[in-house]
Amino acid sequence: MKTNAIIAVGISALVLAACSDVRRTPGKVYMPDMAYSRAIETYSDARDLQAEGINYTALPVEGTVSRTDDAIYLMVKDTVGLHAASATWVNPVPHLDSVQAKEADRLYMINCAICHGAKMDGNGPLFKDGSGPFTAKPANLVSDAKITALSAGTLFEVQTYGKNVMGSYASQLSNKQRWMIATYIKSKQSGETAAPAASDSTATKPAAAAAAPAKESSAKK
């Protein structure tokens, strides 16, 4: 009986403790910056948050993206004539082979064609001969003299920082991909065709065809 009484008293104490106001008071948050995280808007600048005392650098986890590629939210906008200076930038991808051209075409169709159109004539789905949601026609990349006069470096710079109503694509495309698209646009403007890649089957066909007659003549002998 004595043991049962002790157990009953212990259970009662636990029940009362569970119902007390002390238990209803939340404890300290172990990681408040994660429990009450700050919402980050698209294209927000991490430096603005740091100025408010918020420890946020916007740097990706090491190994997830190339450290050599800048992200749009860490870039300084054109305040010192960067757009004009981009005309002198050296294109690291001045020519595209057939494989690169195919990839550049794919990247263009995904990121650019919705505005500038599959034919680069500015008549993409967002304009659609004036019946789309855009009231102003996007730039014609192949016939507008102002656009065709731009260097690959300037096309790269516009993709990186944006221009007028066009936003930046630095967070969607790597540096190399933006250079490839710039070269691809310039090749369409000049009517150039991509050089065959070393892995193309068409590159080896002429040699094989030339060897065939030699084998046939030796067989006749």
Protein backbone atom coordinates (compact mmCIF):
# COMPACT_ATOMS: atom_id res chain seq x y z
CA MET A 1 0.00 0.00 0.00
CA LYS A 2 2.80 2.37 0.87
CA THR A 3 4.48 1.75 -2.50
CA ASN A 4 1.23 2.34 -4.35
CA ALA A 5 0.74 5.62 -2.50
CA ILE A 6 4.23 6.80 -3.46
CA ILE A 7 3.60 5.92 -7.11
CA ALA A 8 0.27 7.75 -7.07
CA VAL A 9 1.84 10.85 -5.58
CA GLY A 10 4.63 10.76 -8.20
CA ILE A 11 2.19 10.48 -11.08
CA SER A 12 0.11 13.33 -9.68
CA ALA A 13 3.20 15.51 -9.41
CA LEU A 14 4.13 14.79 -13.01
CA VAL A 15 0.62 15.61 -14.21
CA LEU A 16 0.58 18.89 -12.29
CA ALA A 17 4.03 19.80 -13.58
CA ALA A 18 2.97 19.11 -17.15
CA CYS A 19 -0.02 21.43 -16.74
CA SER A 20 1.90 24.25 -15.09
CA ASP A 21 2.63 27.60 -16.76
CA VAL A 22 6.36 26.89 -16.59
CA ARG A 23 5.98 24.08 -19.08
CA ARG A 24 3.92 26.27 -21.39
CA THR A 25 6.71 28.84 -21.68
CA PRO A 26 8.88 28.11 -24.73
CA GLY A 27 12.58 27.74 -24.13
CA LYS A 28 15.38 29.54 -25.89
CA VAL A 29 15.70 29.00 -29.63
CA TYR A 30 18.88 27.10 -30.36
CA MET A 31 19.41 28.62 -33.82
CA PRO A 32 17.22 31.73 -34.13
CA ASP A 33 18.52 32.65 -37.59
CA MET A 34 17.10 29.38 -38.90
CA ALA A 35 13.93 29.36 -36.78
CA TYR A 36 13.08 32.91 -37.82
CA SER A 37 14.82 33.13 -41.20
CA ARG A 38 14.75 36.33 -43.22
CA ALA A 39 12.99 36.03 -46.59
CA ILE A 40 15.33 36.88 -49.45
CA GLU A 41 13.77 38.52 -52.48
CA THR A 42 14.86 37.66 -56.02
CA TYR A 43 17.87 39.74 -57.13
CA SER A 44 18.33 41.07 -53.59
CA ASP A 45 21.81 42.27 -52.69
CA ALA A 46 23.46 40.51 -49.77
CA ARG A 47 25.32 43.70 -48.90
CA ASP A 48 22.04 45.39 -47.99
CA LEU A 49 21.31 42.62 -45.50
CA GLN A 50 24.79 42.80 -44.07
CA ALA A 51 24.32 46.54 -43.52
CA GLU A 52 21.34 45.65 -41.32
CA GLY A 53 23.50 43.32 -39.25
CA ILE A 54 22.15 40.16 -40.89
CA ASN A 55 24.89 37.57 -41.36
CA TYR A 56 24.16 36.57 -44.95
CA THR A 57 26.83 36.44 -47.66
CA ALA A 58 24.82 34.90 -50.54
CA LEU A 59 27.78 32.66 -51.32
CA PRO A 60 26.80 29.16 -52.47
CA VAL A 61 27.98 26.09 -50.61
CA GLU A 62 31.49 25.29 -51.74
CA GLY A 63 31.48 22.76 -54.56
CA THR A 64 27.93 23.45 -55.76
CA VAL A 65 28.86 25.97 -58.46
CA SER A 66 32.07 27.22 -59.98
CA ARG A 67 33.82 29.73 -57.77
CA THR A 68 35.02 31.54 -60.89
CA ASP A 69 31.45 32.50 -61.88
CA ASP A 70 30.08 35.67 -60.35
CA ALA A 71 26.49 35.79 -59.14
CA ILE A 72 24.26 38.70 -60.02
CA TYR A 73 23.67 39.71 -56.41
CA LEU A 74 27.40 40.26 -55.86
CA MET A 75 27.96 42.37 -58.96
CA VAL A 76 28.30 46.13 -59.06
CA LYS A 77 25.99 47.84 -61.50
CA ASP A 78 27.18 49.98 -64.41
CA THR A 79 28.31 53.12 -62.63
CA VAL A 80 31.72 53.59 -64.27
CA GLY A 81 30.98 53.07 -67.96
CA LEU A 82 31.14 49.29 -67.79
CA HIS A 83 28.71 48.91 -70.69
CA ALA A 84 30.91 51.00 -73.00
CA ALA A 85 34.09 49.29 -71.79
CA SER A 86 32.64 45.85 -72.57
CA ALA A 87 33.20 46.51 -76.28
CA THR A 88 36.91 45.83 -75.69
CA TRP A 89 36.46 42.58 -73.76
CA VAL A 90 38.20 39.59 -75.34
CA ASN A 91 35.86 36.73 -76.15
CA PRO A 92 37.29 33.47 -74.69
CA VAL A 93 34.96 31.46 -76.97
CA PRO A 94 35.39 33.22 -80.34
CA HIS A 95 34.31 30.21 -82.43
CA LEU A 96 31.81 27.40 -81.90
CA ASP A 97 32.17 23.90 -83.28
CA SER A 98 29.04 21.96 -84.19
CA VAL A 99 28.61 20.54 -80.69
CA GLN A 100 29.02 23.93 -79.03
CA ALA A 101 26.71 25.57 -81.57
CA LYS A 102 24.01 23.01 -80.83
CA GLU A 103 24.37 23.66 -77.10
CA ALA A 104 24.38 27.43 -77.62
CA ASP A 105 21.21 27.11 -79.70
CA ARG A 106 19.59 25.11 -76.88
CA LEU A 107 20.59 27.71 -74.29
CA TYR A 108 19.32 30.52 -76.50
CA MET A 109 15.95 28.81 -77.02
CA ILE A 110 15.53 28.29 -73.27
CA ASN A 111 16.62 31.72 -72.07
CA CYS A 112 16.35 34.19 -74.95
CA ALA A 113 13.83 33.02 -77.54
CA ILE A 114 10.80 33.80 -75.39
CA CYS A 115 11.52 37.51 -75.98
CA HIS A 116 13.79 37.72 -79.02
CA GLY A 117 12.18 34.85 -80.91
CA ALA A 118 13.54 31.61 -82.34
CA LYS A 119 14.67 33.54 -85.45
CA MET A 120 16.18 36.34 -83.33
CA ASP A 121 13.76 38.77 -84.99
CA GLY A 122 12.27 40.07 -81.73
CA ASN A 123 8.99 38.29 -82.36
CA GLY A 124 9.03 35.84 -79.46
CA PRO A 125 5.96 34.44 -77.66
CA LEU A 126 5.87 37.42 -75.30
CA PHE A 127 5.36 39.82 -78.24
CA LYS A 128 3.74 37.54 -80.82
CA ASP A 129 3.12 40.14 -83.54
CA GLY A 130 1.77 42.55 -80.94
CA SER A 131 -0.83 40.16 -79.53
CA GLY A 132 1.33 38.95 -76.65
CA PRO A 133 1.66 40.44 -73.17
CA PHE A 134 4.57 42.69 -74.28
CA THR A 135 3.39 45.91 -75.89
CA ALA A 136 6.88 46.85 -77.10
CA LYS A 137 8.72 44.57 -79.49
CA PRO A 138 12.01 43.20 -78.13
CA ALA A 139 15.20 43.94 -80.01
CA ASN A 140 15.78 42.29 -83.37
CA LEU A 141 19.17 40.68 -82.91
CA VAL A 142 19.93 40.04 -86.60
CA SER A 143 18.71 43.09 -88.49
CA ASP A 144 18.85 46.00 -86.04
CA ALA A 145 22.01 47.90 -86.94
CA LYS A 146 22.52 49.05 -83.34
CA ILE A 147 22.47 45.45 -82.15
CA THR A 148 24.60 43.96 -84.91
CA ALA A 149 27.22 46.61 -84.22
CA LEU A 150 27.65 45.39 -80.65
CA SER A 151 30.66 43.24 -79.86
CA ALA A 152 30.43 39.79 -78.30
CA GLY A 153 31.77 41.38 -75.11
CA THR A 154 28.86 43.81 -74.95
CA LEU A 155 26.36 41.00 -75.60
CA PHE A 156 27.99 39.12 -72.73
CA GLU A 157 27.79 42.21 -70.51
CA VAL A 158 24.09 42.71 -71.27
CA GLN A 159 23.37 39.09 -70.36
CA THR A 160 25.35 39.53 -67.16
CA TYR A 161 23.89 42.81 -65.89
CA GLY A 162 20.72 43.26 -67.93
CA LYS A 163 19.80 46.29 -69.97
CA ASN A 164 16.64 48.44 -69.92
CA VAL A 165 13.69 46.06 -69.30
CA MET A 166 15.87 42.97 -69.75
CA GLY A 167 16.99 41.42 -66.49
CA SER A 168 20.28 39.74 -65.71
CA TYR A 169 20.89 36.11 -66.64
CA ALA A 170 24.05 35.73 -64.56
CA SER A 171 22.27 33.47 -62.08
CA GLN A 172 20.84 31.24 -64.83
CA LEU A 173 23.84 30.95 -67.12
CA SER A 174 27.51 30.46 -66.34
CA ASN A 175 30.19 32.76 -67.73
CA LYS A 176 31.06 30.28 -70.47
CA GLN A 177 27.41 29.78 -71.41
CA ARG A 178 26.88 33.53 -71.73
CA TRP A 179 29.97 33.81 -73.94
CA MET A 180 28.71 30.90 -76.06
CA ILE A 181 25.35 32.62 -76.56
CA ALA A 182 27.10 35.88 -77.46
CA THR A 183 29.23 34.08 -80.06
CA TYR A 184 26.17 32.23 -81.32
CA ILE A 185 24.27 35.50 -81.85
CA LYS A 186 27.25 37.05 -83.65
CA SER A 187 27.50 34.00 -85.91
CA LYS A 188 23.82 34.35 -86.85
CA GLN A 189 24.32 38.03 -87.55
CA SER A 190 27.18 37.32 -89.95
CA GLY A 191 25.71 34.14 -91.43
CA GLU A 192 28.62 32.00 -90.27
CA THR A 193 28.27 28.23 -89.91
CA ALA A 194 29.74 26.22 -87.07
CA ALA A 195 32.95 24.31 -87.68
CA PRO A 196 32.55 20.52 -87.41
CA ALA A 197 33.61 19.03 -84.11
CA ALA A 198 36.37 16.46 -84.00
CA SER A 199 33.85 13.86 -82.85
CA ASP A 200 31.44 14.50 -85.75
CA SER A 201 30.95 11.48 -87.99
CA THR A 202 30.84 13.84 -90.97
CA ALA A 203 34.43 14.85 -90.27
CA THR A 204 35.68 11.30 -90.89
CA LYS A 205 33.48 10.38 -93.85
CA PRO A 206 35.63 12.05 -96.59
CA ALA A 207 38.74 10.17 -95.48
CA ALA A 208 36.84 6.86 -95.41
CA ALA A 209 35.39 7.50 -98.85
CA ALA A 210 38.81 8.29 -100.26
CA ALA A 211 40.24 5.06 -98.88
CA ALA A 212 37.53 2.87 -100.40
CA PRO A 213 38.70 3.04 -104.07
CA ALA A 214 42.24 2.12 -103.06
CA LYS A 215 41.04 -1.09 -101.37
CA GLU A 216 38.89 -1.96 -104.37
CA SER A 217 41.72 -1.54 -106.89
CA SER A 218 44.07 -3.69 -104.85
CA ALA A 219 41.45 -6.43 -104.69
CA LYS A 220 41.18 -6.52 -108.50
CA LYS A 221 44.92 -7.02 -108.85
